[in-house]
């Protein structure tokens, strides 16, 4: 980056104050490939300080009434809403996504989540049972495990997984871990936390199938499946990466899907007409491209995208981490492109014959996060949805989220669920109290 402008330098936030760090890591703007800010390279010392601040703040915050805590969460939502444009710009620049997506989904969804949980905290009830024959009354109470907002309640510590991440998850005073990321990292977290018997919620990868039956409404299915495959550069754990199409409509679907994919514009994040921005890092871009190379070596066809079509970018952005949405076909289910999470704008389209066959093939990977089913046959939709090994199944739609309901995956896609009731249960410890009278 040009030396005429000072780099943005982030600081840790511990005990209500911004705290500088002894060393820093360069962070790159994915759309240009230039360093645009410096991030603290924290370690055990910073984690110890943050944990101590949280321990000191916890009793006072936990003692506050649900109404008081609800007001704090609503106030946070107000502040997010007031800073929507500033936060959207920051998110777009840091992650490479389009400014449009950050404005319309990321920041508004954050606001919605705070408001939802600010309301749900007011509506939980406890259980109570009577045992008159022994003169006892039993009831349950829930005690919070984690923390919330005054100084020390929320602490933010930046750094790498091996340094700051391991220090955090192995700290004896951290009783609970909620993690979203890759399966190998989750395995390491599990190993480090096991000696302390910590509670874990792990939201991990996906290799999500879309199953498109011959009676699907292709006018709705195709644009939605393009979006589910390539939204946010495919860097959403819920993105579609395996598309199974019934043979009778396979050719028609493929032609229309490739045509629609070519209309999915890749551009600089600030371009309001761009559907897709840059991938998160140079290393990740190279990883995604390596899967396409492997597919070619296996004899698969690349119908559009990487290595087939030309990507045009402004000169300033030509070193950015961009790639075109890519469609692969003529690929076997055993291929790594059909088995492993690519986490990029790449999807595979393959034909199938029968309902039983496609269920077996959709379930043949180690992941089980999300799936989509497209059909106008209500009975088939219910049958298939029930048999798919997925924590979430969308039918004739994608990414419609209800915060009251559980969110999470099966198999290697994670442990535990999020949602109003599930989050409440995970972030609290239940206690049974018996009163003899």
Protein backbone atom coordinates (compact mmCIF):
# COMPACT_ATOMS: atom_id res chain seq x y z
CA UNK A 1 0.00 0.00 0.00
CA UNK A 2 1.22 3.53 -0.74
CA UNK A 3 3.26 4.92 2.12
CA UNK A 4 1.56 8.30 2.09
CA UNK A 5 -1.33 7.07 4.22
CA UNK A 6 -0.91 5.53 7.67
CA UNK A 7 -2.22 2.00 8.05
CA UNK A 8 -5.23 1.37 10.25
CA UNK A 9 -4.02 -0.33 13.44
CA UNK A 10 -6.52 -2.37 15.45
CA UNK A 11 -6.24 -2.87 19.20
CA UNK A 12 -7.58 -5.47 21.61
CA UNK A 13 -10.57 -4.49 23.74
CA UNK A 14 -10.08 -5.64 27.33
CA UNK A 15 -11.92 -4.48 30.45
CA UNK A 16 -13.69 -1.69 28.59
CA UNK A 17 -10.50 -0.21 27.12
CA UNK A 18 -8.58 -0.45 23.85
CA UNK A 19 -5.21 -2.00 24.61
CA UNK A 20 -2.18 -1.96 22.25
CA UNK A 21 -0.18 -5.11 21.59
CA UNK A 22 3.56 -5.80 21.41
CA UNK A 23 3.38 -7.31 17.92
CA UNK A 24 1.06 -7.13 14.93
CA UNK A 25 -0.01 -9.11 11.86
CA UNK A 26 -0.61 -7.60 8.41
CA UNK A 27 -4.20 -7.83 7.15
CA UNK A 28 -4.82 -7.62 3.40
CA UNK A 29 -7.60 -5.99 1.40
CA UNK A 30 -8.89 -8.97 -0.66
CA UNK A 31 -9.96 -6.69 -3.53
CA UNK A 32 -6.46 -5.26 -4.11
CA UNK A 33 -4.02 -7.63 -2.42
CA UNK A 34 -2.54 -4.68 -0.49
CA UNK A 35 -1.98 -4.49 3.28
CA UNK A 36 -4.66 -2.19 4.64
CA UNK A 37 -4.45 -2.67 8.41
CA UNK A 38 -2.45 -4.22 11.24
CA UNK A 39 -4.05 -6.69 13.66
CA UNK A 40 -2.73 -7.56 17.16
CA UNK A 41 -0.72 -10.78 17.32
CA UNK A 42 -1.94 -11.60 20.81
CA UNK A 43 -1.00 -14.53 23.03
CA UNK A 44 -1.43 -15.98 26.51
CA UNK A 45 -0.77 -12.68 28.32
CA UNK A 46 -3.67 -10.93 26.58
CA UNK A 47 -5.99 -13.91 27.10
CA UNK A 48 -5.16 -13.99 30.82
CA UNK A 49 -6.02 -10.29 31.10
CA UNK A 50 -9.31 -10.73 29.23
CA UNK A 51 -10.36 -13.76 31.29
CA UNK A 52 -9.56 -11.96 34.53
CA UNK A 53 -11.59 -8.94 33.41
CA UNK A 54 -14.53 -11.19 32.52
CA UNK A 55 -14.38 -13.03 35.86
CA UNK A 56 -14.44 -9.74 37.76
CA UNK A 57 -17.35 -8.34 35.73
CA UNK A 58 -19.44 -11.51 35.65
CA UNK A 59 -21.15 -11.45 39.07
CA UNK A 60 -22.55 -7.94 38.65
CA UNK A 61 -23.74 -8.54 35.11
CA UNK A 62 -25.30 -11.93 35.96
CA UNK A 63 -27.20 -10.33 38.84
CA UNK A 64 -28.94 -7.86 36.54
CA UNK A 65 -32.59 -8.55 35.78
CA UNK A 66 -33.63 -9.92 32.38
CA UNK A 67 -35.30 -6.56 31.72
CA UNK A 68 -32.04 -4.67 32.30
CA UNK A 69 -30.04 -7.03 30.11
CA UNK A 70 -32.73 -6.82 27.42
CA UNK A 71 -32.40 -3.03 27.42
CA UNK A 72 -28.63 -3.31 26.95
CA UNK A 73 -29.05 -5.63 23.94
CA UNK A 74 -31.63 -3.31 22.39
CA UNK A 75 -29.23 -0.41 22.86
CA UNK A 76 -26.50 -2.38 21.09
CA UNK A 77 -28.91 -3.02 18.21
CA UNK A 78 -29.65 0.71 18.03
CA UNK A 79 -25.93 1.54 17.86
CA UNK A 80 -25.35 -1.04 15.11
CA UNK A 81 -28.25 0.38 13.13
CA UNK A 82 -26.96 3.94 13.50
CA UNK A 83 -23.52 2.87 12.21
CA UNK A 84 -24.81 0.58 9.46
CA UNK A 85 -22.96 2.23 6.58
CA UNK A 86 -19.66 2.49 8.45
CA UNK A 87 -19.85 -1.14 9.57
CA UNK A 88 -20.88 -2.35 6.09
CA UNK A 89 -17.89 -0.57 4.53
CA UNK A 90 -15.56 -2.14 7.10
CA UNK A 91 -17.00 -5.64 6.62
CA UNK A 92 -16.80 -5.38 2.84
CA UNK A 93 -13.20 -4.21 2.88
CA UNK A 94 -12.07 -6.79 5.42
CA UNK A 95 -13.78 -9.81 3.87
CA UNK A 96 -13.95 -8.92 0.16
CA UNK A 97 -17.74 -9.28 -0.10
CA UNK A 98 -19.82 -6.75 -2.00
CA UNK A 99 -20.86 -3.64 -0.14
CA UNK A 100 -24.44 -4.45 -1.21
CA UNK A 101 -24.37 -7.77 0.65
CA UNK A 102 -22.86 -6.21 3.75
CA UNK A 103 -25.50 -3.45 3.72
CA UNK A 104 -28.49 -5.67 3.08
CA UNK A 105 -27.62 -8.87 4.95
CA UNK A 106 -24.64 -8.86 7.33
CA UNK A 107 -25.26 -5.73 9.40
CA UNK A 108 -29.10 -5.87 9.33
CA UNK A 109 -28.95 -9.53 10.42
CA UNK A 110 -26.68 -8.58 13.32
CA UNK A 111 -29.22 -5.96 14.38
CA UNK A 112 -32.03 -8.51 14.05
CA UNK A 113 -30.17 -11.06 16.16
CA UNK A 114 -29.61 -8.62 19.03
CA UNK A 115 -33.27 -7.57 18.96
CA UNK A 116 -34.48 -11.17 18.82
CA UNK A 117 -32.47 -12.31 21.83
CA UNK A 118 -33.26 -9.08 23.70
CA UNK A 119 -36.90 -10.08 23.41
CA UNK A 120 -36.53 -13.85 23.95
CA UNK A 121 -34.68 -13.35 27.25
CA UNK A 122 -37.94 -12.00 28.71
CA UNK A 123 -40.05 -15.06 27.88
CA UNK A 124 -38.37 -18.11 29.37
CA UNK A 125 -40.08 -20.09 32.11
CA UNK A 126 -38.72 -22.68 34.53
CA UNK A 127 -39.97 -26.18 35.28
CA UNK A 128 -41.70 -27.18 38.51
CA UNK A 129 -43.02 -30.55 39.77
CA UNK A 130 -44.70 -31.60 43.02
CA UNK A 131 -44.26 -34.81 45.07
CA UNK A 132 -47.05 -34.48 47.61
CA UNK A 133 -46.57 -38.00 48.98
CA UNK A 134 -43.13 -37.02 50.31
CA UNK A 135 -43.95 -33.35 50.85
CA UNK A 136 -41.50 -32.02 48.25
CA UNK A 137 -41.58 -29.38 45.55
CA UNK A 138 -38.95 -29.43 42.77
CA UNK A 139 -38.07 -26.52 40.48
CA UNK A 140 -35.28 -25.58 38.13
CA UNK A 141 -33.25 -22.41 37.76
CA UNK A 142 -30.70 -21.51 35.14
CA UNK A 143 -27.40 -19.81 35.88
CA UNK A 144 -25.50 -18.02 33.09
CA UNK A 145 -22.21 -19.57 32.03
CA UNK A 146 -20.95 -16.61 29.90
CA UNK A 147 -20.88 -12.79 30.07
CA UNK A 148 -22.48 -9.58 28.45
CA UNK A 149 -21.65 -5.69 28.16
CA UNK A 150 -20.31 -3.38 30.98
CA UNK A 151 -16.46 -3.11 31.29
CA UNK A 152 -14.95 -6.58 31.34
CA UNK A 153 -18.11 -8.32 30.20
CA UNK A 154 -17.18 -8.30 26.48
CA UNK A 155 -13.50 -8.60 25.59
CA UNK A 156 -12.07 -8.85 22.07
CA UNK A 157 -8.61 -10.32 21.56
CA UNK A 158 -7.12 -10.64 18.07
CA UNK A 159 -4.48 -13.11 16.94
CA UNK A 160 -3.72 -16.42 15.27
CA UNK A 161 -5.25 -19.78 16.16
CA UNK A 162 -2.03 -21.44 17.38
CA UNK A 163 -1.17 -18.52 19.68
CA UNK A 164 -4.24 -16.77 20.97
CA UNK A 165 -6.81 -19.42 20.04
CA UNK A 166 -5.08 -22.23 21.89
CA UNK A 167 -4.46 -19.99 24.91
CA UNK A 168 -8.18 -19.18 25.05
CA UNK A 169 -9.68 -22.65 24.62
CA UNK A 170 -7.23 -24.28 27.03
CA UNK A 171 -7.66 -21.63 29.76
CA UNK A 172 -9.03 -23.33 32.90
CA UNK A 173 -11.31 -20.36 33.68
CA UNK A 174 -13.09 -20.48 30.29
CA UNK A 175 -15.96 -22.96 30.85
CA UNK A 176 -17.68 -22.83 27.46
CA UNK A 177 -16.60 -22.55 23.82
CA UNK A 178 -18.75 -21.60 20.84
CA UNK A 179 -16.82 -21.99 17.59
CA UNK A 180 -17.62 -21.54 13.90
CA UNK A 181 -14.98 -22.75 11.45
CA UNK A 182 -13.26 -25.79 10.01
CA UNK A 183 -13.37 -29.38 11.20
CA UNK A 184 -9.56 -29.68 11.76
CA UNK A 185 -9.63 -26.62 14.02
CA UNK A 186 -12.64 -28.04 15.88
CA UNK A 187 -10.75 -31.28 16.46
CA UNK A 188 -7.88 -29.31 18.01
CA UNK A 189 -10.30 -27.32 20.19
CA UNK A 190 -11.89 -30.57 21.37
CA UNK A 191 -8.49 -32.02 22.31
CA UNK A 192 -7.44 -28.91 24.25
CA UNK A 193 -10.76 -28.46 26.05
CA UNK A 194 -11.30 -32.13 26.95
CA UNK A 195 -9.19 -32.12 30.16
CA UNK A 196 -11.43 -29.33 31.51
CA UNK A 197 -14.77 -30.90 30.40
CA UNK A 198 -15.81 -27.65 28.71
CA UNK A 199 -19.20 -27.24 27.03
CA UNK A 200 -18.80 -27.08 23.24
CA UNK A 201 -20.93 -25.75 20.42
CA UNK A 202 -19.22 -26.38 17.08
CA UNK A 203 -20.67 -25.07 13.80
CA UNK A 204 -18.41 -26.55 11.12
CA UNK A 205 -18.27 -27.24 7.41
CA UNK A 206 -20.74 -28.41 4.85
CA UNK A 207 -20.90 -30.12 1.47
CA UNK A 208 -24.48 -29.15 0.91
CA UNK A 209 -26.59 -30.85 -1.78
CA UNK A 210 -29.38 -29.40 -3.85
CA UNK A 211 -31.75 -32.09 -5.16
CA UNK A 212 -33.76 -30.98 -8.18
CA UNK A 213 -36.57 -33.28 -9.26
CA UNK A 214 -38.14 -33.25 -12.73
CA UNK A 215 -41.27 -31.46 -11.45
CA UNK A 216 -39.29 -28.52 -10.01
CA UNK A 217 -40.22 -24.98 -10.99
CA UNK A 218 -37.01 -24.09 -12.86
CA UNK A 219 -37.95 -20.40 -13.12
CA UNK A 220 -37.57 -20.17 -9.34
CA UNK A 221 -35.07 -22.96 -8.88
CA UNK A 222 -32.31 -21.76 -11.22
CA UNK A 223 -31.81 -18.18 -9.92
CA UNK A 224 -32.10 -19.38 -6.32
CA UNK A 225 -29.58 -22.20 -6.89
CA UNK A 226 -27.14 -19.79 -8.57
CA UNK A 227 -27.44 -17.61 -5.47
CA UNK A 228 -27.11 -20.55 -3.07
CA UNK A 229 -23.97 -21.68 -4.92
CA UNK A 230 -22.14 -18.38 -5.33
CA UNK A 231 -23.44 -15.87 -2.76
CA UNK A 232 -20.57 -14.23 -0.85
CA UNK A 233 -18.12 -15.94 -3.24
CA UNK A 234 -19.38 -19.30 -1.97
CA UNK A 235 -17.85 -18.49 1.42
CA UNK A 236 -20.96 -19.38 3.42
CA UNK A 237 -21.08 -22.71 5.23
CA UNK A 238 -24.64 -23.13 3.91
CA UNK A 239 -23.76 -22.69 0.22
CA UNK A 240 -24.73 -25.37 -2.30
CA UNK A 241 -21.75 -27.25 -3.72
CA UNK A 242 -23.36 -30.43 -5.10
CA UNK A 243 -26.34 -30.15 -7.44
CA UNK A 244 -28.20 -33.39 -8.25
CA UNK A 245 -30.62 -33.02 -11.18
CA UNK A 246 -33.08 -35.68 -12.33
CA UNK A 247 -31.99 -37.03 -15.74
CA UNK A 248 -35.15 -36.04 -17.64
CA UNK A 249 -34.42 -32.32 -17.07
CA UNK A 250 -30.64 -32.50 -16.68
CA UNK A 251 -29.70 -31.02 -20.08
CA UNK A 252 -32.27 -28.24 -19.83
CA UNK A 253 -31.22 -27.37 -16.27
CA UNK A 254 -27.51 -27.38 -17.12
CA UNK A 255 -27.90 -25.06 -20.09
CA UNK A 256 -30.03 -22.56 -18.17
CA UNK A 257 -27.91 -22.80 -15.02
CA UNK A 258 -24.65 -22.08 -16.86
CA UNK A 259 -26.30 -19.19 -18.68
CA UNK A 260 -27.53 -17.73 -15.37
CA UNK A 261 -24.12 -18.29 -13.74
CA UNK A 262 -22.41 -16.29 -16.49
CA UNK A 263 -24.75 -13.40 -15.65
CA UNK A 264 -23.53 -13.46 -12.00
CA UNK A 265 -21.22 -10.46 -12.14
CA UNK A 266 -17.85 -10.52 -10.39
CA UNK A 267 -16.71 -7.01 -9.55
CA UNK A 268 -15.01 -4.80 -7.02
CA UNK A 269 -16.90 -4.81 -3.70
CA UNK A 270 -17.94 -1.15 -4.05
CA UNK A 271 -19.68 -1.80 -7.41
CA UNK A 272 -23.44 -1.83 -6.66
CA UNK A 273 -24.07 -4.03 -9.71
CA UNK A 274 -21.61 -6.74 -8.60
CA UNK A 275 -23.08 -10.05 -7.43
CA UNK A 276 -19.75 -11.33 -6.12
CA UNK A 277 -16.58 -9.77 -4.70
CA UNK A 278 -13.15 -11.15 -3.80
CA UNK A 279 -12.24 -14.28 -1.85
CA UNK A 280 -10.91 -13.82 1.68
CA UNK A 281 -7.17 -14.38 1.05
CA UNK A 282 -4.57 -15.24 -1.56
CA UNK A 283 -3.92 -18.61 0.09
CA UNK A 284 -7.62 -19.47 0.00
CA UNK A 285 -7.94 -18.41 -3.64
CA UNK A 286 -5.08 -20.76 -4.53
CA UNK A 287 -6.73 -23.56 -2.55
CA UNK A 288 -10.04 -23.12 -4.41
CA UNK A 289 -8.25 -23.04 -7.77
CA UNK A 290 -6.40 -26.26 -6.85
CA UNK A 291 -9.74 -28.11 -6.67
CA UNK A 292 -10.59 -27.03 -10.21
CA UNK A 293 -7.20 -28.29 -11.39
CA UNK A 294 -7.87 -31.64 -9.69
CA UNK A 295 -11.27 -31.86 -11.38
CA UNK A 296 -9.66 -31.31 -14.80
CA UNK A 297 -7.06 -33.99 -14.08
CA UNK A 298 -9.92 -36.40 -13.30
CA UNK A 299 -11.52 -35.70 -16.68
CA UNK A 300 -14.33 -33.45 -15.48
CA UNK A 301 -15.67 -30.61 -17.62
CA UNK A 302 -15.51 -26.97 -16.54
CA UNK A 303 -18.54 -25.43 -18.23
CA UNK A 304 -17.94 -21.84 -17.17
CA UNK A 305 -15.76 -19.79 -14.86
CA UNK A 306 -12.15 -20.44 -13.87
CA UNK A 307 -9.93 -21.14 -16.90
CA UNK A 308 -12.89 -20.93 -19.31
CA UNK A 309 -14.14 -17.36 -19.22
CA UNK A 310 -12.22 -14.10 -18.90
CA UNK A 311 -12.46 -11.95 -15.79
CA UNK A 312 -12.19 -8.21 -16.40
CA UNK A 313 -11.16 -5.98 -13.48
CA UNK A 314 -9.86 -2.43 -13.02
CA UNK A 315 -6.07 -2.20 -13.02
CA UNK A 316 -5.96 -1.38 -9.29
CA UNK A 317 -7.80 -4.63 -8.49
CA UNK A 318 -5.98 -7.05 -10.75
CA UNK A 319 -3.88 -8.35 -7.85
CA UNK A 320 -7.03 -8.94 -5.80
CA UNK A 321 -8.32 -12.40 -4.93
CA UNK A 322 -11.09 -12.66 -7.52
CA UNK A 323 -12.34 -15.64 -9.50
CA UNK A 324 -15.37 -16.34 -11.63
CA UNK A 325 -18.22 -18.60 -10.46
CA UNK A 326 -17.37 -22.04 -11.77
CA UNK A 327 -19.59 -24.96 -12.77
CA UNK A 328 -18.14 -28.49 -12.97
CA UNK A 329 -19.85 -31.50 -14.53
CA UNK A 330 -18.97 -35.05 -15.67
CA UNK A 331 -17.51 -35.66 -12.23
CA UNK A 332 -17.72 -38.76 -10.05
CA UNK A 333 -19.17 -38.81 -6.54
CA UNK A 334 -15.81 -40.10 -5.27
CA UNK A 335 -13.96 -36.97 -6.46
CA UNK A 336 -12.55 -34.66 -3.81
CA UNK A 337 -14.61 -31.90 -5.45
CA UNK A 338 -17.75 -33.86 -4.50
CA UNK A 339 -16.51 -34.94 -1.06
CA UNK A 340 -14.54 -32.05 0.46
CA UNK A 341 -15.64 -28.55 1.42
CA UNK A 342 -14.17 -26.12 -1.13
CA UNK A 343 -15.70 -22.98 0.42
CA UNK A 344 -15.51 -20.99 -2.79
CA UNK A 345 -17.56 -20.14 -5.91
CA UNK A 346 -17.46 -23.69 -7.27
CA UNK A 347 -20.36 -26.12 -7.67
CA UNK A 348 -20.71 -29.56 -9.27
CA UNK A 349 -23.79 -30.56 -11.29
CA UNK A 350 -24.55 -34.28 -11.76
CA UNK A 351 -27.59 -36.30 -12.95
CA UNK A 352 -29.61 -38.88 -10.99
CA UNK A 353 -32.38 -41.36 -11.77
CA UNK A 354 -34.45 -42.21 -8.70
CA UNK A 355 -35.43 -40.76 -5.35
CA UNK A 356 -33.78 -43.58 -3.41
CA UNK A 357 -30.55 -43.22 -5.38
CA UNK A 358 -30.21 -39.47 -4.85
CA UNK A 359 -30.87 -39.72 -1.12
CA UNK A 360 -28.07 -42.27 -0.80
CA UNK A 361 -25.68 -40.12 -2.85
CA UNK A 362 -26.57 -36.91 -1.04
CA UNK A 363 -25.86 -38.64 2.29
CA UNK A 364 -22.56 -40.17 1.13
CA UNK A 365 -20.29 -37.42 2.49
CA UNK A 366 -19.04 -36.87 6.04
CA UNK A 367 -20.87 -33.54 6.35
CA UNK A 368 -24.54 -32.98 7.16
CA UNK A 369 -25.22 -29.26 7.52
CA UNK A 370 -27.84 -28.15 5.00
CA UNK A 371 -29.70 -29.34 1.91
CA UNK A 372 -32.25 -27.99 -0.54
CA UNK A 373 -34.99 -29.97 -2.28
CA UNK A 374 -36.87 -28.72 -5.34
CA UNK A 375 -40.16 -30.41 -6.25
CA UNK A 376 -43.87 -29.62 -6.58
CA UNK A 377 -44.78 -32.99 -5.02
CA UNK A 378 -45.50 -32.32 -1.34
CA UNK A 379 -45.35 -35.99 -0.38
CA UNK A 380 -41.93 -36.37 -2.00
CA UNK A 381 -40.65 -33.25 -0.27
CA UNK A 382 -41.58 -34.63 3.15
CA UNK A 383 -40.14 -38.08 2.40
CA UNK A 384 -36.82 -36.78 1.10
CA UNK A 385 -36.42 -34.11 3.77
CA UNK A 386 -36.90 -36.72 6.49
CA UNK A 387 -34.28 -39.09 5.01
CA UNK A 388 -31.55 -36.50 4.32
CA UNK A 389 -28.78 -36.43 6.92
CA UNK A 390 -28.83 -32.65 7.30
CA UNK A 391 -29.47 -30.35 10.22
CA UNK A 392 -31.40 -28.00 7.93
CA UNK A 393 -33.47 -28.77 4.84
CA UNK A 394 -34.90 -25.99 2.69
CA UNK A 395 -37.56 -26.93 0.15
CA UNK A 396 -38.17 -24.71 -2.90
CA UNK A 397 -36.12 -21.95 -1.23
CA UNK A 398 -32.76 -21.24 0.41
CA UNK A 399 -31.41 -19.40 3.45
CA UNK A 400 -34.73 -18.51 5.05
CA UNK A 401 -33.85 -18.44 8.74
CA UNK A 402 -36.17 -18.57 11.76
CA UNK A 403 -34.25 -17.68 14.92
CA UNK A 404 -36.73 -19.52 17.14
CA UNK A 405 -35.79 -22.84 15.53
CA UNK A 406 -32.60 -24.91 15.90
CA UNK A 407 -29.63 -24.23 13.65
CA UNK A 408 -26.73 -26.67 13.31
CA UNK A 409 -25.43 -29.73 11.54
CA UNK A 410 -25.11 -33.49 11.77
CA UNK A 411 -22.04 -35.74 11.44
CA UNK A 412 -18.83 -33.73 10.82
CA UNK A 413 -20.80 -30.51 10.38
CA UNK A 414 -20.81 -29.86 14.09
CA UNK A 415 -22.00 -30.42 17.61
CA UNK A 416 -24.98 -28.71 19.22
CA UNK A 417 -27.59 -26.27 17.98
CA UNK A 418 -28.24 -22.53 18.06
CA UNK A 419 -31.62 -20.82 18.26
CA UNK A 420 -33.79 -19.26 20.96
CA UNK A 421 -34.33 -22.36 23.14
CA UNK A 422 -31.10 -24.09 22.15
CA UNK A 423 -28.91 -21.03 22.75
CA UNK A 424 -30.59 -20.44 26.10
CA UNK A 425 -29.85 -24.01 27.16
CA UNK A 426 -26.26 -23.95 25.91
CA UNK A 427 -25.25 -20.66 27.50
CA UNK A 428 -26.74 -21.51 30.89
CA UNK A 429 -26.33 -24.31 33.42
CA UNK A 430 -29.51 -25.86 34.75
CA UNK A 431 -29.87 -26.51 38.49
CA UNK A 432 -32.60 -28.57 40.17
CA UNK A 433 -33.70 -27.43 43.61
CA UNK A 434 -35.82 -29.59 45.93
CA UNK A 435 -37.75 -28.00 48.80
CA UNK A 436 -39.16 -30.27 51.52
CA UNK A 437 -42.07 -28.72 53.39
